[in-house]
Amino acid sequence: MARMSRQEKYKGHELIINALHELNQQGELPQSLRWDVVGDGDQLQELTKRVQELGLEHRVCFHGSISDNELRTAFQNCSILLMPSNFKIDSLGNASGEGFGIVYLEAALAGRASIGCNEGGQTDLIQDGETGWLIPPSTTSLINVLRIIINQPALASTFGAKARDYALKEFSVERFNQQLIKALEL
């Protein structure tokens, strides 16, 4: 599963489509594997067209905007959150990418591991090789992780349980309050 939102072209959707296409071309994509994308965004039409061009429409489902209850259900029905958002600073000094990456926290609290890029706010939430995977923003890197998950599907559940434990420990209301009190004492 992945999320889309308006004016966020850094989410890594093209990277995912390219990886799925390559795995499909090599006959390594299990019939049961499907990528569900929730939310809407400026790239929806472009991504839908690309998915159709590559013959992946039976592997990719764009759901559009959904309610909070539907999002909770989507997290419960997925195996992992796949959103390799990339952090960049352009020539004008403007940053784009995940500042904190609340969706990774939502996934962790739902007991789901995440795949994200190794730069940006998601690195606060994903412990590489423990609660998910952090990769460079490349198709090859994503394919390598997807192969691991395809060949060892129990890892997604194991990492998901660890992600939930980590999120509850490090990002709970109690932990936030403790950190806030400590910061105010300075």
N, C-alpha and C. Protein backbone atom coordinates (compact mmCIF):
# COMPACT_ATOMS: atom_id res chain seq x y z
N MET A 1 0.84 -1.17 0.00
CA MET A 1 0.00 0.00 0.00
C MET A 1 0.89 1.24 0.00
N ALA A 2 0.41 2.31 -0.57
CA ALA A 2 1.09 3.61 -0.55
C ALA A 2 0.01 4.68 -0.48
N ARG A 3 0.43 5.88 -0.11
CA ARG A 3 -0.51 7.01 -0.06
C ARG A 3 -0.07 8.06 -1.05
N MET A 4 -1.05 8.75 -1.60
CA MET A 4 -0.80 9.88 -2.48
C MET A 4 -1.41 11.12 -1.85
N SER A 5 -0.86 12.24 -2.19
CA SER A 5 -1.49 13.50 -1.81
C SER A 5 -1.11 14.55 -2.84
N ARG A 6 -1.79 15.64 -2.81
CA ARG A 6 -1.58 16.68 -3.81
C ARG A 6 -0.18 17.29 -3.70
N GLN A 7 0.38 17.60 -4.84
CA GLN A 7 1.66 18.30 -4.97
C GLN A 7 2.80 17.59 -4.25
N GLU A 8 2.77 16.28 -4.21
CA GLU A 8 3.86 15.53 -3.60
C GLU A 8 4.36 14.50 -4.59
N LYS A 9 5.23 14.93 -5.47
CA LYS A 9 5.75 14.04 -6.50
C LYS A 9 6.97 13.25 -6.02
N TYR A 10 7.33 13.41 -4.77
CA TYR A 10 8.52 12.76 -4.24
C TYR A 10 8.22 11.42 -3.57
N LYS A 11 6.99 10.97 -3.60
CA LYS A 11 6.58 9.77 -2.86
C LYS A 11 7.19 8.48 -3.39
N GLY A 12 7.74 8.49 -4.59
CA GLY A 12 8.40 7.29 -5.12
C GLY A 12 7.49 6.37 -5.91
N HIS A 13 6.34 6.87 -6.34
CA HIS A 13 5.41 6.01 -7.07
C HIS A 13 5.99 5.49 -8.38
N GLU A 14 6.72 6.34 -9.11
CA GLU A 14 7.33 5.90 -10.37
C GLU A 14 8.34 4.78 -10.11
N LEU A 15 9.08 4.91 -9.03
CA LEU A 15 10.06 3.90 -8.64
C LEU A 15 9.37 2.56 -8.41
N ILE A 16 8.24 2.58 -7.75
CA ILE A 16 7.48 1.36 -7.48
C ILE A 16 6.97 0.75 -8.78
N ILE A 17 6.40 1.58 -9.64
CA ILE A 17 5.88 1.08 -10.91
C ILE A 17 7.00 0.44 -11.73
N ASN A 18 8.16 1.09 -11.78
CA ASN A 18 9.30 0.53 -12.52
C ASN A 18 9.75 -0.80 -11.93
N ALA A 19 9.79 -0.89 -10.60
CA ALA A 19 10.21 -2.13 -9.95
C ALA A 19 9.21 -3.25 -10.21
N LEU A 20 7.92 -2.95 -10.10
CA LEU A 20 6.90 -3.96 -10.37
C LEU A 20 6.98 -4.43 -11.82
N HIS A 21 7.19 -3.48 -12.73
CA HIS A 21 7.30 -3.84 -14.15
C HIS A 21 8.48 -4.78 -14.38
N GLU A 22 9.62 -4.43 -13.82
CA GLU A 22 10.81 -5.26 -14.03
C GLU A 22 10.62 -6.65 -13.43
N LEU A 23 10.09 -6.72 -12.22
CA LEU A 23 9.83 -8.04 -11.61
C LEU A 23 8.82 -8.83 -12.43
N ASN A 24 7.82 -8.16 -12.95
CA ASN A 24 6.81 -8.82 -13.78
C ASN A 24 7.45 -9.35 -15.07
N GLN A 25 8.29 -8.54 -15.68
CA GLN A 25 8.97 -8.94 -16.92
C GLN A 25 9.85 -10.17 -16.69
N GLN A 26 10.42 -10.27 -15.49
CA GLN A 26 11.31 -11.39 -15.18
C GLN A 26 10.56 -12.59 -14.62
N GLY A 27 9.23 -12.48 -14.54
CA GLY A 27 8.42 -13.58 -14.03
C GLY A 27 8.55 -13.81 -12.54
N GLU A 28 8.97 -12.78 -11.81
CA GLU A 28 9.20 -12.91 -10.37
C GLU A 28 8.09 -12.32 -9.52
N LEU A 29 7.04 -11.82 -10.13
CA LEU A 29 5.96 -11.18 -9.39
C LEU A 29 4.85 -12.20 -9.13
N PRO A 30 4.65 -12.56 -7.86
CA PRO A 30 3.59 -13.53 -7.57
C PRO A 30 2.22 -13.01 -8.01
N GLN A 31 1.36 -13.91 -8.44
CA GLN A 31 0.02 -13.53 -8.89
C GLN A 31 -0.76 -12.80 -7.80
N SER A 32 -0.49 -13.12 -6.55
CA SER A 32 -1.24 -12.52 -5.44
C SER A 32 -0.77 -11.12 -5.07
N LEU A 33 0.38 -10.69 -5.58
CA LEU A 33 0.91 -9.39 -5.21
C LEU A 33 0.13 -8.28 -5.90
N ARG A 34 -0.32 -7.33 -5.09
CA ARG A 34 -1.04 -6.17 -5.61
C ARG A 34 -0.59 -4.93 -4.84
N TRP A 35 -0.49 -3.82 -5.54
CA TRP A 35 -0.12 -2.55 -4.93
C TRP A 35 -1.36 -1.68 -4.90
N ASP A 36 -1.83 -1.36 -3.70
CA ASP A 36 -2.98 -0.49 -3.50
C ASP A 36 -2.49 0.91 -3.14
N VAL A 37 -2.98 1.90 -3.85
CA VAL A 37 -2.59 3.28 -3.62
C VAL A 37 -3.82 4.05 -3.17
N VAL A 38 -3.74 4.66 -1.99
CA VAL A 38 -4.88 5.43 -1.48
C VAL A 38 -4.55 6.91 -1.51
N GLY A 39 -5.58 7.71 -1.63
CA GLY A 39 -5.41 9.16 -1.72
C GLY A 39 -5.46 9.61 -3.17
N ASP A 40 -5.46 10.92 -3.33
CA ASP A 40 -5.43 11.44 -4.69
C ASP A 40 -4.30 12.46 -4.76
N GLY A 41 -3.91 12.75 -5.94
CA GLY A 41 -2.80 13.68 -6.09
C GLY A 41 -2.67 14.13 -7.53
N ASP A 42 -1.76 15.04 -7.72
CA ASP A 42 -1.55 15.63 -9.03
C ASP A 42 -1.04 14.62 -10.06
N GLN A 43 -0.43 13.54 -9.60
CA GLN A 43 0.15 12.56 -10.51
C GLN A 43 -0.79 11.41 -10.85
N LEU A 44 -1.98 11.38 -10.29
CA LEU A 44 -2.86 10.22 -10.43
C LEU A 44 -3.09 9.84 -11.90
N GLN A 45 -3.43 10.79 -12.74
CA GLN A 45 -3.71 10.49 -14.14
C GLN A 45 -2.45 9.97 -14.84
N GLU A 46 -1.32 10.61 -14.58
CA GLU A 46 -0.05 10.21 -15.18
C GLU A 46 0.34 8.80 -14.74
N LEU A 47 0.19 8.52 -13.45
CA LEU A 47 0.55 7.19 -12.93
C LEU A 47 -0.39 6.11 -13.45
N THR A 48 -1.66 6.42 -13.53
CA THR A 48 -2.63 5.46 -14.07
C THR A 48 -2.28 5.11 -15.51
N LYS A 49 -1.94 6.11 -16.29
CA LYS A 49 -1.57 5.89 -17.69
C LYS A 49 -0.32 5.02 -17.79
N ARG A 50 0.66 5.31 -16.94
CA ARG A 50 1.92 4.53 -16.95
C ARG A 50 1.66 3.07 -16.58
N VAL A 51 0.82 2.85 -15.58
CA VAL A 51 0.47 1.49 -15.17
C VAL A 51 -0.19 0.75 -16.33
N GLN A 52 -1.07 1.41 -17.05
CA GLN A 52 -1.75 0.79 -18.20
C GLN A 52 -0.76 0.50 -19.34
N GLU A 53 0.14 1.45 -19.61
CA GLU A 53 1.15 1.25 -20.66
C GLU A 53 2.01 0.02 -20.39
N LEU A 54 2.29 -0.23 -19.11
CA LEU A 54 3.16 -1.36 -18.75
C LEU A 54 2.37 -2.64 -18.50
N GLY A 55 1.06 -2.59 -18.65
CA GLY A 55 0.24 -3.78 -18.46
C GLY A 55 0.17 -4.24 -17.01
N LEU A 56 0.21 -3.28 -16.08
CA LEU A 56 0.19 -3.62 -14.65
C LEU A 56 -1.16 -3.33 -14.00
N GLU A 57 -2.19 -3.03 -14.78
CA GLU A 57 -3.46 -2.64 -14.18
C GLU A 57 -4.07 -3.72 -13.30
N HIS A 58 -3.73 -5.00 -13.53
CA HIS A 58 -4.23 -6.05 -12.65
C HIS A 58 -3.40 -6.18 -11.37
N ARG A 59 -2.29 -5.43 -11.28
CA ARG A 59 -1.41 -5.44 -10.11
C ARG A 59 -1.50 -4.18 -9.27
N VAL A 60 -2.08 -3.13 -9.84
CA VAL A 60 -2.10 -1.82 -9.18
C VAL A 60 -3.54 -1.32 -9.12
N CYS A 61 -3.94 -0.84 -7.94
CA CYS A 61 -5.30 -0.31 -7.78
C CYS A 61 -5.21 1.07 -7.11
N PHE A 62 -5.70 2.08 -7.80
CA PHE A 62 -5.76 3.43 -7.27
C PHE A 62 -7.14 3.62 -6.66
N HIS A 63 -7.20 3.84 -5.35
CA HIS A 63 -8.48 3.94 -4.65
C HIS A 63 -8.99 5.36 -4.49
N GLY A 64 -8.15 6.36 -4.72
CA GLY A 64 -8.58 7.74 -4.51
C GLY A 64 -8.69 8.06 -3.03
N SER A 65 -9.37 9.15 -2.72
CA SER A 65 -9.54 9.57 -1.32
C SER A 65 -10.39 8.56 -0.57
N ILE A 66 -9.99 8.29 0.66
CA ILE A 66 -10.74 7.39 1.51
C ILE A 66 -10.87 7.99 2.90
N SER A 67 -11.84 7.52 3.65
CA SER A 67 -12.06 8.02 5.01
C SER A 67 -11.01 7.45 5.96
N ASP A 68 -10.96 7.99 7.16
CA ASP A 68 -10.04 7.47 8.17
C ASP A 68 -10.33 6.02 8.50
N ASN A 69 -11.62 5.66 8.57
CA ASN A 69 -11.98 4.26 8.83
C ASN A 69 -11.52 3.36 7.70
N GLU A 70 -11.70 3.82 6.47
CA GLU A 70 -11.25 3.04 5.32
C GLU A 70 -9.73 2.91 5.30
N LEU A 71 -9.03 3.96 5.75
CA LEU A 71 -7.57 3.89 5.83
C LEU A 71 -7.14 2.85 6.85
N ARG A 72 -7.79 2.84 8.01
CA ARG A 72 -7.46 1.82 9.02
C ARG A 72 -7.67 0.41 8.45
N THR A 73 -8.75 0.24 7.73
CA THR A 73 -9.03 -1.06 7.11
C THR A 73 -7.96 -1.39 6.07
N ALA A 74 -7.56 -0.40 5.28
CA ALA A 74 -6.53 -0.62 4.26
C ALA A 74 -5.22 -1.07 4.91
N PHE A 75 -4.86 -0.44 6.02
CA PHE A 75 -3.64 -0.86 6.72
C PHE A 75 -3.77 -2.30 7.23
N GLN A 76 -4.93 -2.65 7.72
CA GLN A 76 -5.13 -4.02 8.23
C GLN A 76 -5.09 -5.05 7.11
N ASN A 77 -5.45 -4.64 5.90
CA ASN A 77 -5.51 -5.57 4.77
C ASN A 77 -4.22 -5.64 3.95
N CYS A 78 -3.26 -4.79 4.26
CA CYS A 78 -2.01 -4.80 3.48
C CYS A 78 -0.93 -5.57 4.23
N SER A 79 0.13 -5.90 3.52
CA SER A 79 1.28 -6.58 4.13
C SER A 79 2.34 -5.59 4.59
N ILE A 80 2.57 -4.56 3.77
CA ILE A 80 3.58 -3.55 4.07
C ILE A 80 3.13 -2.20 3.52
N LEU A 81 3.76 -1.15 4.02
CA LEU A 81 3.61 0.17 3.42
C LEU A 81 4.82 0.36 2.51
N LEU A 82 4.55 0.58 1.26
CA LEU A 82 5.61 0.76 0.27
C LEU A 82 5.53 2.19 -0.24
N MET A 83 6.40 3.04 0.29
CA MET A 83 6.40 4.44 -0.11
C MET A 83 7.83 4.99 -0.01
N PRO A 84 8.63 4.74 -1.04
CA PRO A 84 10.02 5.18 -1.00
C PRO A 84 10.19 6.67 -1.31
N SER A 85 9.62 7.50 -0.44
CA SER A 85 9.75 8.95 -0.58
C SER A 85 11.22 9.33 -0.52
N ASN A 86 11.57 10.26 -1.37
CA ASN A 86 12.96 10.70 -1.44
C ASN A 86 13.07 12.14 -0.96
N PHE A 87 14.08 12.45 -0.20
CA PHE A 87 14.33 13.79 0.30
C PHE A 87 15.35 14.46 -0.62
N LYS A 88 15.05 15.70 -1.02
CA LYS A 88 15.97 16.45 -1.88
C LYS A 88 15.95 17.92 -1.50
N ILE A 89 17.01 18.59 -1.86
CA ILE A 89 17.07 20.05 -1.79
C ILE A 89 17.41 20.53 -3.19
N ASP A 90 16.53 21.35 -3.77
CA ASP A 90 16.75 21.81 -5.14
C ASP A 90 17.77 22.95 -5.18
N SER A 91 18.05 23.42 -6.38
CA SER A 91 19.06 24.46 -6.58
C SER A 91 18.73 25.78 -5.90
N LEU A 92 17.44 25.99 -5.58
CA LEU A 92 17.03 27.21 -4.88
C LEU A 92 17.05 27.03 -3.35
N GLY A 93 17.41 25.84 -2.91
CA GLY A 93 17.45 25.58 -1.48
C GLY A 93 16.14 25.10 -0.89
N ASN A 94 15.17 24.79 -1.75
CA ASN A 94 13.88 24.29 -1.27
C ASN A 94 13.94 22.79 -1.05
N ALA A 95 13.47 22.38 0.09
CA ALA A 95 13.48 20.94 0.42
C ALA A 95 12.15 20.31 0.03
N SER A 96 12.20 19.06 -0.39
CA SER A 96 11.00 18.27 -0.61
C SER A 96 11.25 16.88 -0.08
N GLY A 97 10.22 16.27 0.40
CA GLY A 97 10.33 14.94 0.98
C GLY A 97 9.59 14.89 2.30
N GLU A 98 9.70 13.79 2.96
CA GLU A 98 9.00 13.61 4.22
C GLU A 98 9.71 14.38 5.34
N GLY A 99 8.97 15.27 5.98
CA GLY A 99 9.51 15.97 7.14
C GLY A 99 9.52 15.05 8.35
N PHE A 100 8.41 14.39 8.57
CA PHE A 100 8.31 13.39 9.63
C PHE A 100 7.79 12.08 9.06
N GLY A 101 6.84 12.12 8.19
CA GLY A 101 6.31 10.91 7.58
C GLY A 101 5.29 10.21 8.45
N ILE A 102 4.21 10.91 8.77
CA ILE A 102 3.18 10.37 9.65
C ILE A 102 2.62 9.05 9.13
N VAL A 103 2.58 8.87 7.82
CA VAL A 103 2.03 7.63 7.27
C VAL A 103 2.85 6.41 7.70
N TYR A 104 4.15 6.57 7.89
CA TYR A 104 4.98 5.46 8.36
C TYR A 104 4.63 5.11 9.80
N LEU A 105 4.31 6.14 10.60
CA LEU A 105 3.87 5.90 11.97
C LEU A 105 2.51 5.22 11.98
N GLU A 106 1.61 5.66 11.11
CA GLU A 106 0.29 5.03 11.01
C GLU A 106 0.44 3.55 10.65
N ALA A 107 1.32 3.27 9.71
CA ALA A 107 1.56 1.88 9.31
C ALA A 107 2.12 1.07 10.47
N ALA A 108 3.09 1.63 11.16
CA ALA A 108 3.70 0.93 12.30
C ALA A 108 2.67 0.65 13.38
N LEU A 109 1.85 1.62 13.70
CA LEU A 109 0.82 1.41 14.73
C LEU A 109 -0.20 0.36 14.30
N ALA A 110 -0.34 0.16 12.99
CA ALA A 110 -1.22 -0.90 12.48
C ALA A 110 -0.48 -2.24 12.40
N GLY A 111 0.79 -2.24 12.82
CA GLY A 111 1.57 -3.48 12.80
C GLY A 111 2.11 -3.82 11.42
N ARG A 112 2.39 -2.79 10.63
CA ARG A 112 2.91 -3.00 9.28
C ARG A 112 4.31 -2.42 9.15
N ALA A 113 5.19 -3.19 8.54
CA ALA A 113 6.52 -2.72 8.21
C ALA A 113 6.43 -1.78 7.02
N SER A 114 7.45 -0.96 6.84
CA SER A 114 7.48 -0.01 5.73
C SER A 114 8.77 -0.13 4.94
N ILE A 115 8.66 0.24 3.67
CA ILE A 115 9.84 0.43 2.83
C ILE A 115 9.87 1.92 2.50
N GLY A 116 10.96 2.57 2.84
CA GLY A 116 11.13 3.99 2.58
C GLY A 116 12.55 4.26 2.13
N CYS A 117 12.79 5.43 1.60
CA CYS A 117 14.15 5.81 1.21
C CYS A 117 14.96 6.17 2.45
N ASN A 118 16.25 6.09 2.30
CA ASN A 118 17.15 6.27 3.44
C ASN A 118 17.49 7.72 3.76
N GLU A 119 16.70 8.65 3.25
CA GLU A 119 16.85 10.06 3.62
C GLU A 119 15.46 10.64 3.84
N GLY A 120 15.32 11.49 4.83
CA GLY A 120 14.04 12.11 5.12
C GLY A 120 13.50 11.68 6.46
N GLY A 121 12.33 12.19 6.80
CA GLY A 121 11.74 11.95 8.10
C GLY A 121 11.41 10.50 8.39
N GLN A 122 11.21 9.68 7.37
CA GLN A 122 10.89 8.28 7.60
C GLN A 122 12.01 7.54 8.31
N THR A 123 13.23 8.08 8.27
CA THR A 123 14.34 7.42 8.95
C THR A 123 14.20 7.49 10.47
N ASP A 124 13.34 8.38 10.96
CA ASP A 124 13.04 8.43 12.40
C ASP A 124 12.15 7.27 12.81
N LEU A 125 11.41 6.72 11.86
CA LEU A 125 10.41 5.70 12.16
C LEU A 125 10.79 4.31 11.71
N ILE A 126 11.58 4.20 10.66
CA ILE A 126 11.95 2.89 10.13
C ILE A 126 13.36 2.55 10.57
N GLN A 127 13.48 1.44 11.25
CA GLN A 127 14.79 0.91 11.62
C GLN A 127 15.13 -0.15 10.57
N ASP A 128 16.10 0.16 9.72
CA ASP A 128 16.43 -0.70 8.60
C ASP A 128 16.78 -2.12 9.07
N GLY A 129 16.10 -3.09 8.47
CA GLY A 129 16.35 -4.49 8.80
C GLY A 129 15.73 -4.93 10.11
N GLU A 130 14.93 -4.06 10.73
CA GLU A 130 14.26 -4.40 11.99
C GLU A 130 12.76 -4.17 11.91
N THR A 131 12.39 -2.93 11.57
CA THR A 131 10.97 -2.56 11.51
C THR A 131 10.53 -2.27 10.07
N GLY A 132 11.45 -2.42 9.15
CA GLY A 132 11.21 -2.14 7.75
C GLY A 132 12.53 -2.05 7.02
N TRP A 133 12.49 -1.43 5.87
CA TRP A 133 13.68 -1.34 5.03
C TRP A 133 13.86 0.10 4.57
N LEU A 134 15.11 0.58 4.63
CA LEU A 134 15.48 1.89 4.10
C LEU A 134 16.40 1.65 2.92
N ILE A 135 16.06 2.24 1.79
CA ILE A 135 16.80 1.99 0.55
C ILE A 135 17.20 3.30 -0.11
N PRO A 136 18.25 3.26 -0.92
CA PRO A 136 18.53 4.41 -1.78
C PRO A 136 17.39 4.52 -2.81
N PRO A 137 17.15 5.69 -3.36
CA PRO A 137 16.05 5.85 -4.32
C PRO A 137 16.39 5.27 -5.69
N SER A 138 16.47 3.95 -5.77
CA SER A 138 16.78 3.32 -7.05
C SER A 138 15.88 2.10 -7.25
N THR A 139 15.55 1.85 -8.50
CA THR A 139 14.73 0.69 -8.83
C THR A 139 15.40 -0.59 -8.39
N THR A 140 16.69 -0.71 -8.62
CA THR A 140 17.43 -1.92 -8.25
C THR A 140 17.34 -2.18 -6.75
N SER A 141 17.51 -1.14 -5.94
CA SER A 141 17.43 -1.31 -4.48
C SER A 141 16.04 -1.76 -4.06
N LEU A 142 15.01 -1.17 -4.66
CA LEU A 142 13.65 -1.57 -4.32
C LEU A 142 13.39 -3.00 -4.75
N ILE A 143 13.82 -3.37 -5.93
CA ILE A 143 13.64 -4.74 -6.41
C ILE A 143 14.30 -5.73 -5.45
N ASN A 144 15.50 -5.42 -4.98
CA ASN A 144 16.19 -6.32 -4.06
C ASN A 144 15.39 -6.55 -2.79
N VAL A 145 14.80 -5.50 -2.23
CA VAL A 145 13.98 -5.66 -1.02
C VAL A 145 12.70 -6.41 -1.34
N LEU A 146 12.07 -6.10 -2.45
CA LEU A 146 10.84 -6.81 -2.82
C LEU A 146 11.11 -8.30 -3.01
N ARG A 147 12.26 -8.64 -3.57
CA ARG A 147 12.62 -10.06 -3.71
C ARG A 147 12.73 -10.73 -2.34
N ILE A 148 13.31 -10.04 -1.39
CA ILE A 148 13.41 -10.60 -0.03
C ILE A 148 12.02 -10.88 0.52
N ILE A 149 11.13 -9.91 0.38
CA ILE A 149 9.78 -10.06 0.93
C ILE A 149 9.01 -11.15 0.18
N ILE A 150 9.17 -11.21 -1.12
CA ILE A 150 8.50 -12.25 -1.92
C ILE A 150 8.97 -13.64 -1.49
N ASN A 151 10.29 -13.78 -1.27
CA ASN A 151 10.85 -15.08 -0.92
C ASN A 151 10.75 -15.42 0.55
N GLN A 152 10.56 -14.41 1.40
CA GLN A 152 10.44 -14.63 2.85
C GLN A 152 9.25 -13.81 3.37
N PRO A 153 8.04 -14.16 2.99
CA PRO A 153 6.87 -13.33 3.34
C PRO A 153 6.65 -13.17 4.84
N ALA A 154 7.13 -14.09 5.64
CA ALA A 154 6.95 -13.97 7.09
C ALA A 154 7.71 -12.77 7.65
N LEU A 155 8.73 -12.30 6.94
CA LEU A 155 9.49 -11.12 7.40
C LEU A 155 8.60 -9.89 7.53
N ALA A 156 7.65 -9.74 6.62
CA ALA A 156 6.76 -8.58 6.68
C ALA A 156 6.00 -8.57 8.00
N SER A 157 5.50 -9.72 8.43
CA SER A 157 4.78 -9.80 9.71
C SER A 157 5.71 -9.60 10.89
N THR A 158 6.87 -10.20 10.83
CA THR A 158 7.85 -10.06 11.92
C THR A 158 8.27 -8.60 12.08
N PHE A 159 8.63 -7.97 10.96
CA PHE A 159 9.04 -6.56 11.00
C PHE A 159 7.87 -5.67 11.40
N GLY A 160 6.66 -6.03 10.97
CA GLY A 160 5.48 -5.25 11.32
C GLY A 160 5.23 -5.25 12.82
N ALA A 161 5.38 -6.41 13.45
CA ALA A 161 5.20 -6.49 14.91
C ALA A 161 6.26 -5.65 15.62
N LYS A 162 7.48 -5.70 15.13
CA LYS A 162 8.56 -4.88 15.71
C LYS A 162 8.29 -3.39 15.49
N ALA A 163 7.74 -3.05 14.32
CA ALA A 163 7.42 -1.65 14.03
C ALA A 163 6.38 -1.13 15.01
N ARG A 164 5.38 -1.94 15.29
CA ARG A 164 4.33 -1.54 16.24
C ARG A 164 4.92 -1.33 17.63
N ASP A 165 5.74 -2.27 18.09
CA ASP A 165 6.37 -2.13 19.40
C ASP A 165 7.22 -0.86 19.46
N TYR A 166 8.00 -0.63 18.42
CA TYR A 166 8.86 0.56 18.37
C TYR A 166 8.03 1.84 18.38
N ALA A 167 6.97 1.87 17.59
CA ALA A 167 6.11 3.06 17.53
C ALA A 167 5.46 3.34 18.87
N LEU A 168 4.96 2.31 19.52
CA LEU A 168 4.33 2.49 20.84
C LEU A 168 5.33 2.96 21.89
N LYS A 169 6.55 2.47 21.79
CA LYS A 169 7.58 2.85 22.76
C LYS A 169 8.11 4.26 22.52
N GLU A 170 8.40 4.58 21.26
CA GLU A 170 9.10 5.83 20.95
C GLU A 170 8.18 7.00 20.57
N PHE A 171 6.95 6.71 20.16
CA PHE A 171 6.09 7.77 19.64
C PHE A 171 4.73 7.82 20.33
N SER A 172 4.66 7.32 21.53
CA SER A 172 3.41 7.35 22.27
C SER A 172 3.17 8.75 22.85
N VAL A 173 1.96 8.98 23.29
CA VAL A 173 1.61 10.26 23.93
C VAL A 173 2.46 10.43 25.19
N GLU A 174 2.64 9.36 25.94
CA GLU A 174 3.44 9.44 27.16
C GLU A 174 4.87 9.86 26.85
N ARG A 175 5.45 9.22 25.81
CA ARG A 175 6.82 9.54 25.42
C ARG A 175 6.91 11.01 24.96
N PHE A 176 5.94 11.46 24.18
CA PHE A 176 5.91 12.84 23.72
C PHE A 176 5.87 13.79 24.92
N ASN A 177 4.99 13.49 25.88
CA ASN A 177 4.88 14.35 27.07
C ASN A 177 6.18 14.38 27.86
N GLN A 178 6.83 13.25 28.00
CA GLN A 178 8.12 13.20 28.70
C GLN A 178 9.15 14.07 28.00
N GLN A 179 9.22 13.96 26.68
CA GLN A 179 10.18 14.74 25.92
C GLN A 179 9.86 16.23 25.96
N LEU A 180 8.58 16.57 25.94
CA LEU A 180 8.18 17.96 26.02
C LEU A 180 8.56 18.57 27.38
N ILE A 181 8.28 17.85 28.43
CA ILE A 181 8.63 18.31 29.78
C ILE A 181 10.15 18.49 29.90
N LYS A 182 10.89 17.54 29.38
CA LYS A 182 12.35 17.63 29.42
C LYS A 182 12.83 18.85 28.64
N ALA A 183 12.24 19.11 27.46
CA ALA A 183 12.63 20.25 26.65
C ALA A 183 12.28 21.57 27.33
N LEU A 184 11.16 21.61 28.04
CA LEU A 184 10.74 22.85 28.71
C LEU A 184 11.60 23.14 29.94
N GLU A 185 12.26 22.13 30.47
CA GLU A 185 13.12 22.34 31.65
C GLU A 185 14.43 23.01 31.27
N LEU A 186 14.76 23.07 30.01
CA LEU A 186 16.04 23.68 29.59
C LEU A 186 16.11 25.13 29.87
